[in-house]
Amino acid sequence: MATASSGPAELVLTGGRIWTGDPAAPWAEALAVGGGRLLAVGTDADALALAGEGTERRALDGAFLMPGLVDVHNHHALAGRTDLFELSFSSSGSVEEVLAAVREYAAGLPADAWITGGAWGSTLRTAISNEATRARLDEASGGRPVMLMEDSRHNRWANSRALELAGITAESDPGEGGVIELDPVSGRPTGVLLESAGLPVEAAMARTRRLTAEQHRAASRRGVELLNSYGVTAFQDAAVSLEILEALRALDADAELDAWVVSSLTVNDQIFGYDPVGEGLVWRGEAFRTEHHRPDFVKIFLDGVPPARTGAFLEPYLPDDAHGDHFLGETTLPPEELWGWLRRTAERGLSAKIHCSGDAAVRLVLDTVARLRAEGFTETRYQVAHGQFVAESDIPRFAELGVSADLSPFIWFPGVIPEAIATVLPAERAGRMQPNRALLDAGALIAGGSDWPVSESPNAWEGIHGLVTRADPAGVFPGTLWPEQAITLDEAMAAFTINAAEAMGLGAETGSLVAGKSADFVVLDRDPFAGPAEELVRTTVAETWFAGRRVYVR
C-alpha cells in the first residue's frame, strides 16, 4: 500500500479492479482521495482507514479503474474549433461525399462566408487535383470561398474564390517546401496546395474570419471536454498559437481547465498559419504558465508527410514525372539551423517535440541531440513526433540519447494514410512503419498520441487496439501492418498513461495511481484484460476524474 496522508479523505472508492500503471504495485482494490490528490492506493482497509465522518464512500463492485489517459500529441483547440465553428466530415469519404457535405453546409451560410474544415483523405489527392473537380467544389459552395484540410492537416484544397482572395496563380511563390499543384492541361492551379503553399489562403481567410478571444477560449474548452469524454486527463498540444496559450491561461485562472496541458510553442509553421511563430512566440510562453498549463516545449516541423513527397528519407521515393528517380525529400531546416534552435531553447529550459515522418529527419534529430548531450544538456526532453520510419541502426539511439518516440497518428494499422504512403514508397519500405516492438526492446520510451483531429477521434482504445493487434480497429481495412511489431496490452496501456506523462514532463504529477499524485483516473465499462484483443476498441469510459473531481460521466 502507498499512503500520502493520514486523512481524512473526501472520497473513498473500494472493491474495484484497479490497474495502477505503477510497475512496483500494478494492482489495487481501493483508493482514497483528498485535496485533489491520491491519499492512498491499496486494499479496501487501507483506503477506509482514511475515511472520516464527511467522507463519501462508494463501492465499485468490481468495476475496472485505471489512471487517466495521457495523450502526448493532439491539437485540442483545432479540434474544438472544428467541432464548434467548422465543417467536419470523415477522411474515408469519397469525392462525392465531400462535395455533398460542402453543399449541405453551405446552404445555411451567408453568401460571402468562408467554408473551412475537413478532413479529406490523402488517397483523394489525385482525384481532386484538376480544374474540373475544382469547378465542382465551386458549385457545391455556391461561390463561397472554401478551404478544406487533408487528413494529415499539412495540405489543403481550395476553390476558385479562395484562390482569388489569396492571390494564388500558377506563378505564385509556394513558400519553402510548398507546392501549388497545376492542372496538366491548362497549367492553372487545381486548388490542391501542399504544405506552406496553403498559408496565403489562411491569411486571406483571417482578414475577414478571425476568432475572438472568447471563441478561442470556447474552442479550447470544447476540446478538453471531448478529451475528458474519452478518459483523457493530461495531454500535450503539439503546436500552439498565442491565442491558444491565452485561452488555456484564462481557463485555468477561472478553474475551468479540466486537464493537465503541456504546450508546444511553434517554431516554424508550415501548415497552420499562426502569427507570430518562432522568436515572436517562443520567448513569450512563460507568461501563460498556470497550475495545470505548462508551456514547456517547442515544436519544430522538420519535414512534411510522405504522401505529398515532403517527408525526408534516406532512400528515394518511387519515381514520378515531377521528381525523377532519386528524390529523397528534404528537411525544412538545415542541420545547423536545427542545432541552433535546439541549443537556444535548451539554454532557456525548453524541451522540444520535432515532427519527423521520414527516416532522414529522424536521423538528423538524433544526430543533433547527440551533440547537445555531449555539451551537457542532459535533462532536456526530446520527442520524435510520428517517426513512422526509423532506420534499423537508429533504433537503439532513442534509448541511448533519451529521446522519446511519440507514436502518432494512429497509423500502425491499415488505413487511409498507410494506403496513401504505399503509393509513393516501395512496398517493402511502405509496409515497415512504426517499429514499436523494436523500440521497446531497445529500451526506448514510447508514448501514445492521437494527433486528433488528424485522427477522427482521440480515442486511446483505438490506438491501444492497433498497437496490440496491428489491425484496423474499425475492421474497414483488412490485414495487419507489420504484425511483428505488435506490443502487449500492458505495454500499450503504459504508452497512453505513465510513458506519455514521463515524455512530457508530468510523470511526478499524473500517469499512474500512486499516493501523492493528482487524483486523475477513469472508470471503464469493462476489464480490457478479460476479453480478446480483437475487442479492445469496444472499451468505453464510464467516468473521468481529474484532480479529484468527476469531469465526465457517460
Protein backbone atom coordinates (compact mmCIF):
# COMPACT_ATOMS: atom_id res chain seq x y z
CA MET A 1 0.00 0.00 0.00
CA ALA A 2 1.07 3.58 -0.68
CA THR A 3 -0.14 6.38 1.62
CA ALA A 4 0.44 10.13 1.31
CA SER A 5 -1.70 11.42 4.16
CA SER A 6 -3.42 10.38 7.35
CA GLY A 7 -6.68 11.85 6.02
CA PRO A 8 -9.48 12.42 6.36
CA ALA A 9 -10.30 11.53 2.77
CA GLU A 10 -13.02 13.31 0.84
CA LEU A 11 -13.73 10.23 -1.30
CA VAL A 12 -13.03 6.54 -0.83
CA LEU A 13 -13.58 4.02 -3.63
CA THR A 14 -13.48 0.34 -2.67
CA GLY A 15 -13.99 -3.07 -4.22
CA GLY A 16 -12.57 -2.29 -7.62
CA ARG A 17 -10.19 -3.96 -10.03
CA ILE A 18 -7.62 -1.19 -10.25
CA TRP A 19 -4.70 -1.18 -12.68
CA THR A 20 -2.36 1.42 -11.23
CA GLY A 21 0.21 1.76 -14.00
CA ASP A 22 2.88 1.53 -11.28
CA PRO A 23 5.27 -1.38 -12.02
CA ALA A 24 6.12 -1.64 -8.30
CA ALA A 25 2.46 -2.29 -7.37
CA PRO A 26 0.42 -2.79 -10.55
CA TRP A 27 -2.87 -3.83 -8.93
CA ALA A 28 -5.05 -2.49 -6.13
CA GLU A 29 -8.67 -2.65 -5.00
CA ALA A 30 -9.26 0.76 -3.44
CA LEU A 31 -8.13 4.35 -3.30
CA ALA A 32 -8.68 7.40 -1.15
CA VAL A 33 -8.81 10.98 -2.44
CA GLY A 34 -8.40 14.31 -0.68
CA GLY A 35 -7.48 17.81 -1.78
CA GLY A 36 -7.36 16.70 -5.40
CA ARG A 37 -4.65 14.12 -4.61
CA LEU A 38 -4.45 10.38 -4.09
CA LEU A 39 -4.09 9.80 -0.35
CA ALA A 40 -3.89 6.02 -0.54
CA VAL A 41 -3.86 3.30 -3.20
CA GLY A 42 -4.09 -0.29 -1.95
CA THR A 43 -6.58 -2.50 -0.15
CA ASP A 44 -10.08 -1.63 0.98
CA ALA A 45 -8.79 -1.47 4.55
CA ASP A 46 -6.01 0.94 3.54
CA ALA A 47 -8.45 3.36 1.96
CA LEU A 48 -11.17 3.06 4.59
CA ALA A 49 -8.62 3.81 7.30
CA LEU A 50 -8.53 7.38 5.94
CA ALA A 51 -12.31 7.82 5.93
CA GLY A 52 -13.94 10.26 8.30
CA GLU A 53 -17.44 11.39 9.16
CA GLY A 54 -17.76 13.53 6.00
CA THR A 55 -16.09 11.09 3.58
CA GLU A 56 -18.05 10.00 0.52
CA ARG A 57 -17.80 6.20 0.35
CA ARG A 58 -18.52 4.34 -2.84
CA ALA A 59 -18.34 0.66 -3.74
CA LEU A 60 -17.03 -0.01 -7.24
CA ASP A 61 -18.49 -3.53 -7.27
CA GLY A 62 -15.62 -4.91 -9.32
CA ALA A 63 -15.55 -2.10 -11.91
CA PHE A 64 -12.26 -1.58 -13.71
CA LEU A 65 -10.42 1.63 -12.79
CA MET A 66 -7.14 2.91 -14.18
CA PRO A 67 -5.11 6.13 -14.43
CA GLY A 68 -6.50 8.92 -16.55
CA LEU A 69 -5.34 8.54 -20.14
CA VAL A 70 -2.49 10.74 -21.35
CA ASP A 71 -2.31 11.89 -24.98
CA VAL A 72 1.19 13.05 -25.91
CA HIS A 73 0.19 14.55 -29.26
CA ASN A 74 -3.01 16.33 -30.22
CA HIS A 75 -4.32 19.69 -31.39
CA HIS A 76 -7.14 20.15 -28.89
CA ALA A 77 -8.03 23.73 -29.82
CA LEU A 78 -8.15 23.00 -33.55
CA ALA A 79 -10.42 20.03 -32.84
CA GLY A 80 -12.62 22.17 -30.61
CA ARG A 81 -12.74 24.88 -33.28
CA THR A 82 -13.76 22.35 -35.91
CA ASP A 83 -16.47 20.95 -33.66
CA LEU A 84 -17.92 24.38 -32.87
CA PHE A 85 -17.29 26.52 -35.92
CA GLU A 86 -16.34 24.42 -38.98
CA LEU A 87 -17.44 21.69 -41.38
CA SER A 88 -16.41 18.18 -40.35
CA PHE A 89 -16.52 15.00 -42.42
CA SER A 90 -14.81 11.62 -42.48
CA SER A 91 -11.42 11.20 -44.16
CA SER A 92 -12.66 7.91 -45.60
CA GLY A 93 -15.31 9.69 -47.67
CA SER A 94 -15.33 9.80 -51.47
CA VAL A 95 -15.10 12.97 -53.57
CA GLU A 96 -18.88 12.81 -54.00
CA GLU A 97 -19.37 12.60 -50.24
CA VAL A 98 -17.05 15.54 -49.60
CA LEU A 99 -18.89 17.67 -52.16
CA ALA A 100 -22.25 16.68 -50.67
CA ALA A 101 -21.04 17.72 -47.21
CA VAL A 102 -19.90 21.10 -48.55
CA ARG A 103 -23.19 21.62 -50.36
CA GLU A 104 -25.27 20.85 -47.27
CA TYR A 105 -23.09 23.02 -45.00
CA ALA A 106 -23.11 25.95 -47.46
CA ALA A 107 -26.90 26.06 -47.53
CA GLY A 108 -27.01 27.58 -44.06
CA LEU A 109 -24.34 30.25 -44.56
CA PRO A 110 -24.30 33.87 -45.77
CA ALA A 111 -23.29 34.36 -49.40
CA ASP A 112 -19.75 35.55 -48.60
CA ALA A 113 -18.98 33.21 -45.67
CA TRP A 114 -15.89 31.02 -45.70
CA ILE A 115 -16.30 27.26 -45.62
CA THR A 116 -13.44 25.57 -43.84
CA GLY A 117 -12.85 22.26 -42.08
CA GLY A 118 -12.01 18.71 -43.10
CA ALA A 119 -10.61 16.28 -43.49
CA TRP A 120 -10.37 14.78 -46.97
CA GLY A 121 -8.35 11.60 -47.29
CA SER A 122 -4.80 11.60 -48.66
CA THR A 123 -5.89 9.00 -51.20
CA LEU A 124 -8.20 11.56 -52.88
CA ARG A 125 -5.40 13.89 -53.91
CA THR A 126 -5.08 12.68 -57.49
CA ALA A 127 -8.85 12.69 -57.98
CA ILE A 128 -9.32 16.30 -56.84
CA SER A 129 -6.18 17.85 -58.36
CA ASN A 130 -7.73 19.09 -61.59
CA GLU A 131 -9.77 22.08 -62.74
CA ALA A 132 -12.90 20.06 -63.38
CA THR A 133 -13.17 18.94 -59.76
CA ARG A 134 -12.30 22.42 -58.52
CA ALA A 135 -15.28 23.68 -60.57
CA ARG A 136 -17.49 21.12 -58.83
CA LEU A 137 -16.27 22.45 -55.47
CA ASP A 138 -17.16 25.97 -56.65
CA GLU A 139 -20.68 24.80 -57.48
CA ALA A 140 -21.14 22.94 -54.18
CA SER A 141 -20.15 26.03 -52.20
CA GLY A 142 -22.45 28.37 -54.10
CA GLY A 143 -19.47 30.60 -54.91
CA ARG A 144 -18.37 30.94 -51.28
CA PRO A 145 -14.63 30.61 -50.58
CA VAL A 146 -13.66 27.09 -49.49
CA MET A 147 -10.53 25.74 -47.78
CA LEU A 148 -10.60 22.11 -46.74
CA MET A 149 -7.80 20.35 -44.85
CA GLU A 150 -6.37 16.99 -45.82
CA ASP A 151 -6.24 14.20 -43.20
CA SER A 152 -2.58 14.93 -42.37
CA ARG A 153 -3.52 18.61 -41.78
CA HIS A 154 -0.48 19.52 -43.88
CA ASN A 155 -2.24 20.09 -47.19
CA ARG A 156 -5.33 22.00 -48.39
CA TRP A 157 -7.90 22.00 -51.13
CA ALA A 158 -9.16 25.50 -52.04
CA ASN A 159 -11.81 26.52 -54.53
CA SER A 160 -11.61 29.28 -57.13
CA ARG A 161 -12.93 32.04 -54.86
CA ALA A 162 -10.45 31.17 -52.10
CA LEU A 163 -7.55 31.13 -54.59
CA GLU A 164 -8.67 34.51 -55.89
CA LEU A 165 -8.84 36.06 -52.40
CA ALA A 166 -5.40 34.63 -51.60
CA GLY A 167 -3.92 35.91 -54.87
CA ILE A 168 -2.68 32.45 -55.84
CA THR A 169 -1.83 31.87 -59.50
CA ALA A 170 0.42 29.46 -61.35
CA GLU A 171 3.24 31.99 -60.95
CA SER A 172 2.84 32.47 -57.17
CA ASP A 173 5.66 31.61 -54.78
CA PRO A 174 4.52 28.45 -52.90
CA GLY A 175 6.86 29.15 -49.99
CA GLU A 176 9.65 26.96 -48.70
CA GLY A 177 8.69 23.31 -49.13
CA GLY A 178 5.31 24.20 -50.64
CA VAL A 179 3.75 23.09 -53.93
CA ILE A 180 0.89 24.64 -55.93
CA GLU A 181 -0.46 21.73 -57.97
CA LEU A 182 -1.33 22.68 -61.57
CA ASP A 183 -3.81 21.17 -64.00
CA PRO A 184 -1.82 19.12 -66.55
CA VAL A 185 -3.85 20.53 -69.46
CA SER A 186 -4.48 24.19 -68.62
CA GLY A 187 -1.47 24.80 -66.37
CA ARG A 188 -3.68 26.64 -63.86
CA PRO A 189 -3.88 25.86 -60.10
CA THR A 190 -6.15 22.97 -59.25
CA GLY A 191 -6.71 24.21 -55.72
CA VAL A 192 -4.57 21.49 -54.11
CA LEU A 193 -1.92 23.27 -52.05
CA LEU A 194 0.82 21.33 -50.32
CA GLU A 195 2.47 22.44 -47.07
CA SER A 196 3.31 26.18 -46.95
CA ALA A 197 1.59 26.84 -50.31
CA GLY A 198 -1.69 26.92 -48.40
CA LEU A 199 -0.69 29.63 -45.93
CA PRO A 200 -1.82 32.55 -48.17
CA VAL A 201 -5.32 31.08 -48.08
CA GLU A 202 -5.18 31.01 -44.26
CA ALA A 203 -4.08 34.67 -44.36
CA ALA A 204 -6.91 35.61 -46.74
CA MET A 205 -9.47 33.92 -44.52
CA ALA A 206 -8.07 35.65 -41.41
CA ARG A 207 -8.74 39.05 -42.97
CA THR A 208 -12.49 38.50 -42.70
CA ARG A 209 -12.91 35.50 -40.38
CA ARG A 210 -10.82 35.74 -37.22
CA LEU A 211 -11.99 34.09 -34.00
CA THR A 212 -12.48 36.30 -30.98
CA ALA A 213 -10.67 35.65 -27.69
CA GLU A 214 -13.89 34.19 -26.29
CA GLN A 215 -14.25 31.87 -29.30
CA HIS A 216 -10.66 30.67 -28.84
CA ARG A 217 -11.46 30.00 -25.20
CA ALA A 218 -14.65 28.16 -26.20
CA ALA A 219 -12.66 26.06 -28.71
CA SER A 220 -10.11 25.05 -26.06
CA ARG A 221 -12.84 24.32 -23.52
CA ARG A 222 -14.69 22.17 -26.05
CA GLY A 223 -11.51 20.32 -26.99
CA VAL A 224 -10.86 19.46 -23.34
CA GLU A 225 -14.49 18.40 -22.83
CA LEU A 226 -14.22 15.96 -25.73
CA LEU A 227 -10.89 14.65 -24.42
CA ASN A 228 -12.42 14.11 -20.98
CA SER A 229 -15.22 12.10 -22.61
CA TYR A 230 -12.56 9.69 -23.87
CA GLY A 231 -10.87 9.50 -20.47
CA VAL A 232 -8.00 11.88 -21.21
CA THR A 233 -6.84 13.88 -18.17
CA ALA A 234 -3.47 15.09 -19.49
CA PHE A 235 -2.26 15.95 -22.97
CA GLN A 236 0.36 17.77 -24.99
CA ASP A 237 -0.88 20.18 -27.63
CA ALA A 238 1.61 19.62 -30.42
CA ALA A 239 1.66 23.19 -31.85
CA VAL A 240 0.09 26.21 -30.20
CA SER A 241 -0.50 29.83 -31.13
CA LEU A 242 -0.55 32.93 -28.95
CA GLU A 243 -4.36 32.77 -28.91
CA ILE A 244 -4.36 29.14 -27.73
CA LEU A 245 -1.87 29.96 -24.96
CA GLU A 246 -4.09 32.78 -23.71
CA ALA A 247 -7.19 30.57 -23.86
CA LEU A 248 -5.51 27.92 -21.71
CA ARG A 249 -4.23 30.52 -19.24
CA ALA A 250 -7.65 32.08 -18.90
CA LEU A 251 -9.43 28.74 -18.47
CA ASP A 252 -7.11 27.64 -15.67
CA ALA A 253 -7.27 31.05 -13.98
CA ASP A 254 -11.05 30.56 -13.76
CA ALA A 255 -10.74 26.92 -12.59
CA GLU A 256 -12.20 25.68 -15.91
CA LEU A 257 -9.24 23.70 -17.24
CA ASP A 258 -10.05 20.05 -16.54
CA ALA A 259 -6.75 18.50 -17.63
CA TRP A 260 -3.01 18.88 -17.34
CA VAL A 261 -1.81 20.59 -20.52
CA VAL A 262 1.72 20.84 -21.89
CA SER A 263 2.01 23.28 -24.78
CA SER A 264 4.45 23.09 -27.69
CA LEU A 265 5.40 26.61 -28.81
CA THR A 266 5.55 26.73 -32.60
CA VAL A 267 8.99 27.49 -34.03
CA ASN A 268 8.27 27.12 -37.76
CA ASP A 269 4.78 26.89 -39.18
CA GLN A 270 4.35 25.04 -42.45
CA ILE A 271 0.64 24.40 -42.11
CA PHE A 272 -1.38 26.33 -39.51
CA GLY A 273 -0.89 29.97 -40.46
CA TYR A 274 -0.11 31.09 -36.89
CA ASP A 275 1.20 34.60 -36.36
CA PRO A 276 3.57 35.08 -34.63
CA VAL A 277 5.77 31.98 -34.62
CA GLY A 278 9.46 31.47 -33.86
CA GLU A 279 11.10 34.03 -31.59
CA GLY A 280 7.96 36.18 -31.54
CA LEU A 281 6.11 33.33 -29.82
CA VAL A 282 8.64 31.01 -28.18
CA TRP A 283 10.19 33.52 -25.78
CA ARG A 284 6.73 34.65 -24.58
CA GLY A 285 5.44 31.26 -23.44
CA GLU A 286 6.33 31.60 -19.76
CA ALA A 287 3.75 34.37 -19.29
CA PHE A 288 0.99 31.82 -19.82
CA ARG A 289 2.10 29.27 -17.18
CA THR A 290 -0.56 28.29 -14.63
CA GLU A 291 -1.06 25.44 -12.18
CA HIS A 292 -2.22 22.99 -14.84
CA HIS A 293 -0.77 24.57 -18.00
CA ARG A 294 2.92 24.14 -18.73
CA PRO A 295 4.39 25.84 -21.84
CA ASP A 296 7.49 23.64 -21.58
CA PHE A 297 8.13 22.51 -25.17
CA VAL A 298 8.78 23.98 -28.58
CA LYS A 299 7.52 22.40 -31.79
CA ILE A 300 9.63 22.11 -34.94
CA PHE A 301 8.32 20.77 -38.24
CA LEU A 302 11.43 19.12 -39.66
CA ASP A 303 9.72 17.61 -42.71
CA GLY A 304 6.27 17.11 -44.18
CA VAL A 305 4.31 13.96 -44.97
CA PRO A 306 5.17 11.04 -47.27
CA PRO A 307 2.03 11.04 -49.48
CA ALA A 308 2.91 14.57 -50.64
CA ARG A 309 6.60 13.56 -51.00
CA THR A 310 7.53 16.18 -48.40
CA GLY A 311 8.88 13.69 -45.86
CA ALA A 312 12.71 13.41 -45.78
CA PHE A 313 14.07 9.91 -46.45
CA LEU A 314 17.42 8.14 -46.61
CA GLU A 315 16.32 6.19 -49.72
CA PRO A 316 14.32 7.51 -52.70
CA TYR A 317 10.61 7.71 -53.26
CA LEU A 318 9.12 5.80 -56.15
CA PRO A 319 9.89 7.68 -59.39
CA ASP A 320 7.39 10.13 -60.85
CA ASP A 321 7.42 12.78 -63.57
CA ALA A 322 7.76 15.71 -61.17
CA HIS A 323 10.63 14.37 -59.05
CA GLY A 324 12.51 11.79 -61.10
CA ASP A 325 14.13 8.57 -59.91
CA HIS A 326 16.27 9.69 -56.97
CA PHE A 327 14.11 12.09 -54.95
CA LEU A 328 14.63 11.82 -51.18
CA GLY A 329 12.58 14.77 -49.97
CA GLU A 330 14.25 17.31 -47.72
CA THR A 331 14.13 18.73 -44.24
CA THR A 332 12.62 22.15 -43.60
CA LEU A 333 15.72 23.26 -41.66
CA PRO A 334 19.37 22.60 -42.48
CA PRO A 335 21.36 20.83 -39.73
CA GLU A 336 22.97 23.96 -38.29
CA GLU A 337 19.67 25.82 -38.07
CA LEU A 338 18.05 22.90 -36.24
CA TRP A 339 21.08 22.77 -33.94
CA GLY A 340 20.81 26.50 -33.27
CA TRP A 341 17.15 26.33 -32.34
CA LEU A 342 17.54 23.31 -30.07
CA ARG A 343 20.56 24.79 -28.34
CA ARG A 344 18.95 28.20 -27.72
CA THR A 345 15.76 26.68 -26.41
CA ALA A 346 17.62 24.19 -24.22
CA GLU A 347 19.54 27.07 -22.68
CA ARG A 348 16.17 28.53 -21.63
CA GLY A 349 14.94 25.24 -20.20
CA LEU A 350 12.62 24.39 -23.07
CA SER A 351 12.25 20.84 -24.36
CA ALA A 352 11.33 20.03 -27.97
CA LYS A 353 8.85 17.98 -29.98
CA ILE A 354 10.11 17.54 -33.53
CA HIS A 355 7.88 16.37 -36.37
CA CYS A 356 9.66 13.67 -38.42
CA SER A 357 7.82 11.49 -40.90
CA GLY A 358 10.85 10.21 -42.82
CA ASP A 359 13.90 8.33 -41.53
CA ALA A 360 16.32 11.04 -42.70
CA ALA A 361 14.53 13.59 -40.49
CA VAL A 362 14.67 11.15 -37.56
CA ARG A 363 18.40 10.67 -38.03
CA LEU A 364 19.03 14.42 -38.13
CA VAL A 365 17.21 14.81 -34.80
CA LEU A 366 19.21 12.00 -33.20
CA ASP A 367 22.49 13.44 -34.52
CA THR A 368 21.58 16.88 -33.18
CA VAL A 369 20.53 15.59 -29.76
CA ALA A 370 23.83 13.66 -29.55
CA ARG A 371 25.67 16.99 -29.93
CA LEU A 372 23.51 18.57 -27.24
CA ARG A 373 24.01 15.69 -24.81
CA ALA A 374 27.76 15.92 -25.36
CA GLU A 375 27.60 19.61 -24.45
CA GLY A 376 25.93 18.83 -21.13
CA PHE A 377 22.23 19.31 -21.93
CA THR A 378 21.31 16.05 -20.25
CA GLU A 379 17.92 16.94 -18.72
CA THR A 380 16.17 18.49 -21.72
CA ARG A 381 13.38 16.29 -23.08
CA TYR A 382 13.21 15.49 -26.79
CA GLN A 383 10.40 13.76 -28.65
CA VAL A 384 10.43 12.47 -32.21
CA ALA A 385 6.84 13.03 -33.27
CA HIS A 386 5.35 10.40 -35.58
CA GLY A 387 8.60 8.66 -36.54
CA GLN A 388 6.75 6.29 -38.84
CA PHE A 389 10.03 5.30 -40.45
CA VAL A 390 13.24 4.73 -38.49
CA ALA A 391 16.44 3.24 -39.90
CA GLU A 392 17.26 0.00 -38.09
CA SER A 393 20.65 1.31 -36.96
CA ASP A 394 18.97 4.35 -35.36
CA ILE A 395 16.53 2.38 -33.18
CA PRO A 396 18.97 1.85 -30.25
CA ARG A 397 19.88 5.54 -30.27
CA PHE A 398 16.48 6.57 -28.86
CA ALA A 399 17.27 4.97 -25.51
CA GLU A 400 20.96 5.90 -25.64
CA LEU A 401 20.13 9.59 -26.12
CA GLY A 402 16.98 9.75 -24.01
CA VAL A 403 14.73 10.61 -26.96
CA SER A 404 11.06 9.61 -26.66
CA ALA A 405 9.11 8.12 -29.55
CA ASP A 406 5.81 10.00 -29.89
CA LEU A 407 3.68 7.33 -31.59
CA SER A 408 1.13 9.26 -33.56
CA PRO A 409 -1.03 9.44 -35.53
CA PHE A 410 -2.81 6.07 -35.46
CA ILE A 411 -1.02 4.63 -38.48
CA TRP A 412 0.42 1.46 -37.00
CA PHE A 413 -2.55 -0.38 -38.51
CA PRO A 414 -4.03 -0.42 -42.05
CA GLY A 415 -5.95 2.71 -43.03
CA VAL A 416 -6.20 5.68 -45.38
CA ILE A 417 -2.77 7.17 -44.63
CA PRO A 418 -0.85 3.86 -44.96
CA GLU A 419 -2.63 3.29 -48.28
CA ALA A 420 -1.53 6.72 -49.47
CA ILE A 421 2.06 6.11 -48.33
CA ALA A 422 2.09 2.82 -50.26
CA THR A 423 1.59 4.78 -53.50
CA VAL A 424 4.84 6.75 -53.09
CA LEU A 425 7.23 4.29 -51.42
CA PRO A 426 8.34 0.80 -52.49
CA ALA A 427 6.13 -1.89 -50.94
CA GLU A 428 8.94 -3.30 -48.78
CA ARG A 429 9.51 0.08 -47.12
CA ALA A 430 5.89 1.21 -47.01
CA GLY A 431 4.96 -1.89 -45.03
CA ARG A 432 7.61 -1.30 -42.36
CA MET A 433 6.02 1.54 -40.41
CA GLN A 434 6.15 2.17 -36.67
CA PRO A 435 8.78 -0.26 -35.31
CA ASN A 436 7.21 -0.15 -31.85
CA ARG A 437 8.31 -3.59 -30.66
CA ALA A 438 11.90 -2.92 -31.72
CA LEU A 439 11.95 0.47 -29.99
CA LEU A 440 10.62 -1.03 -26.75
CA ASP A 441 13.06 -3.92 -26.86
CA ALA A 442 15.88 -1.41 -27.31
CA GLY A 443 14.79 0.41 -24.16
CA ALA A 444 13.12 3.45 -25.73
CA LEU A 445 10.31 5.34 -24.03
CA ILE A 446 7.32 5.09 -26.34
CA ALA A 447 4.42 7.47 -25.70
CA GLY A 448 0.94 7.26 -27.20
CA GLY A 449 -0.69 10.14 -29.01
CA SER A 450 -3.75 10.57 -31.18
CA ASP A 451 -2.80 13.57 -33.35
CA TRP A 452 -6.51 14.40 -33.17
CA PRO A 453 -8.07 15.90 -35.29
CA VAL A 454 -5.72 14.31 -37.86
CA SER A 455 -7.25 11.14 -36.44
CA GLU A 456 -11.01 11.33 -36.30
CA SER A 457 -11.20 10.94 -32.53
CA PRO A 458 -8.82 10.97 -29.56
CA ASN A 459 -9.99 7.50 -28.50
CA ALA A 460 -6.91 5.90 -26.95
CA TRP A 461 -8.55 2.48 -27.17
CA GLU A 462 -8.35 2.65 -30.95
CA GLY A 463 -4.63 3.26 -30.54
CA ILE A 464 -4.20 0.56 -27.89
CA HIS A 465 -6.12 -1.92 -30.05
CA GLY A 466 -3.89 -1.11 -33.03
CA LEU A 467 -0.67 -1.31 -31.01
CA VAL A 468 -1.60 -4.78 -29.74
CA THR A 469 -3.13 -6.27 -32.91
CA ARG A 470 -1.60 -4.14 -35.73
CA ALA A 471 -5.07 -4.45 -37.33
CA ASP A 472 -7.65 -1.78 -38.13
CA PRO A 473 -9.86 -1.43 -35.01
CA ALA A 474 -12.84 -0.45 -37.15
CA GLY A 475 -12.48 -3.51 -39.37
CA VAL A 476 -12.74 -1.40 -42.53
CA PHE A 477 -9.24 -2.14 -43.83
CA PRO A 478 -8.22 -5.81 -43.94
CA GLY A 479 -4.99 -7.42 -42.82
CA THR A 480 -2.27 -6.25 -40.47
CA LEU A 481 0.62 -3.81 -40.77
CA TRP A 482 4.00 -5.33 -39.86
CA PRO A 483 2.49 -7.61 -37.16
CA GLU A 484 5.93 -8.49 -35.78
CA GLN A 485 5.94 -5.01 -34.21
CA ALA A 486 2.90 -5.68 -32.01
CA ILE A 487 3.28 -4.95 -28.30
CA THR A 488 1.44 -6.30 -25.23
CA LEU A 489 -1.66 -4.79 -23.63
CA ASP A 490 0.30 -3.74 -20.54
CA GLU A 491 2.86 -2.00 -22.75
CA ALA A 492 0.19 -0.28 -24.84
CA MET A 493 -1.67 0.98 -21.78
CA ALA A 494 1.58 2.28 -20.33
CA ALA A 495 2.20 4.16 -23.59
CA PHE A 496 -1.08 6.04 -23.07
CA THR A 497 -0.56 6.67 -19.34
CA ILE A 498 2.73 6.82 -17.45
CA ASN A 499 5.01 6.76 -20.51
CA ALA A 500 3.25 9.71 -22.12
CA ALA A 501 3.28 11.58 -18.81
CA GLU A 502 7.02 10.99 -18.45
CA ALA A 503 7.70 12.06 -22.04
CA MET A 504 6.01 15.42 -21.48
CA GLY A 505 7.46 16.06 -18.03
CA LEU A 506 4.37 15.25 -15.97
CA GLY A 507 5.43 11.89 -14.54
CA ALA A 508 5.58 13.26 -11.00
CA GLU A 509 2.01 14.54 -11.24
CA THR A 510 -0.02 12.01 -13.18
CA GLY A 511 0.05 8.91 -15.39
CA SER A 512 -0.09 6.31 -12.62
CA LEU A 513 -2.09 5.78 -9.45
CA VAL A 514 0.44 6.42 -6.70
CA ALA A 515 -0.23 8.16 -3.40
CA GLY A 516 0.67 11.83 -3.64
CA LYS A 517 -0.11 12.19 -7.34
CA SER A 518 -3.07 14.06 -8.78
CA ALA A 519 -6.30 12.07 -8.45
CA ASP A 520 -6.72 11.53 -12.19
CA PHE A 521 -8.45 8.28 -13.09
CA VAL A 522 -11.11 6.68 -15.26
CA VAL A 523 -13.72 4.01 -14.66
CA LEU A 524 -14.26 1.75 -17.67
CA ASP A 525 -17.24 -0.25 -18.84
CA ARG A 526 -15.18 -3.45 -18.90
CA ASP A 527 -11.92 -5.08 -17.90
CA PRO A 528 -9.71 -4.84 -21.02
CA PHE A 529 -7.59 -7.75 -19.77
CA ALA A 530 -10.60 -10.07 -19.59
CA GLY A 531 -11.57 -10.16 -23.26
CA PRO A 532 -9.84 -10.92 -26.55
CA ALA A 533 -7.53 -8.30 -28.05
CA GLU A 534 -9.88 -8.01 -31.02
CA GLU A 535 -12.46 -6.36 -28.73
CA LEU A 536 -10.21 -3.76 -27.11
CA VAL A 537 -11.64 -0.99 -29.27
CA ARG A 538 -15.07 -1.58 -27.72
CA THR A 539 -13.79 -0.35 -24.37
CA THR A 540 -15.53 2.86 -23.33
CA VAL A 541 -15.20 5.32 -20.48
CA ALA A 542 -17.97 5.41 -17.88
CA GLU A 543 -16.45 8.19 -15.73
CA THR A 544 -13.44 10.52 -15.88
CA TRP A 545 -11.96 12.14 -12.77
CA PHE A 546 -9.42 14.97 -12.79
CA ALA A 547 -7.79 16.32 -9.63
CA GLY A 548 -10.39 14.53 -7.53
CA ARG A 549 -13.35 15.97 -9.46
CA ARG A 550 -15.61 13.99 -11.75
CA VAL A 551 -15.42 15.82 -15.07
CA TYR A 552 -17.28 13.32 -17.26
CA VAL A 553 -19.94 10.68 -16.75
CA ARG A 554 -21.45 8.67 -19.57
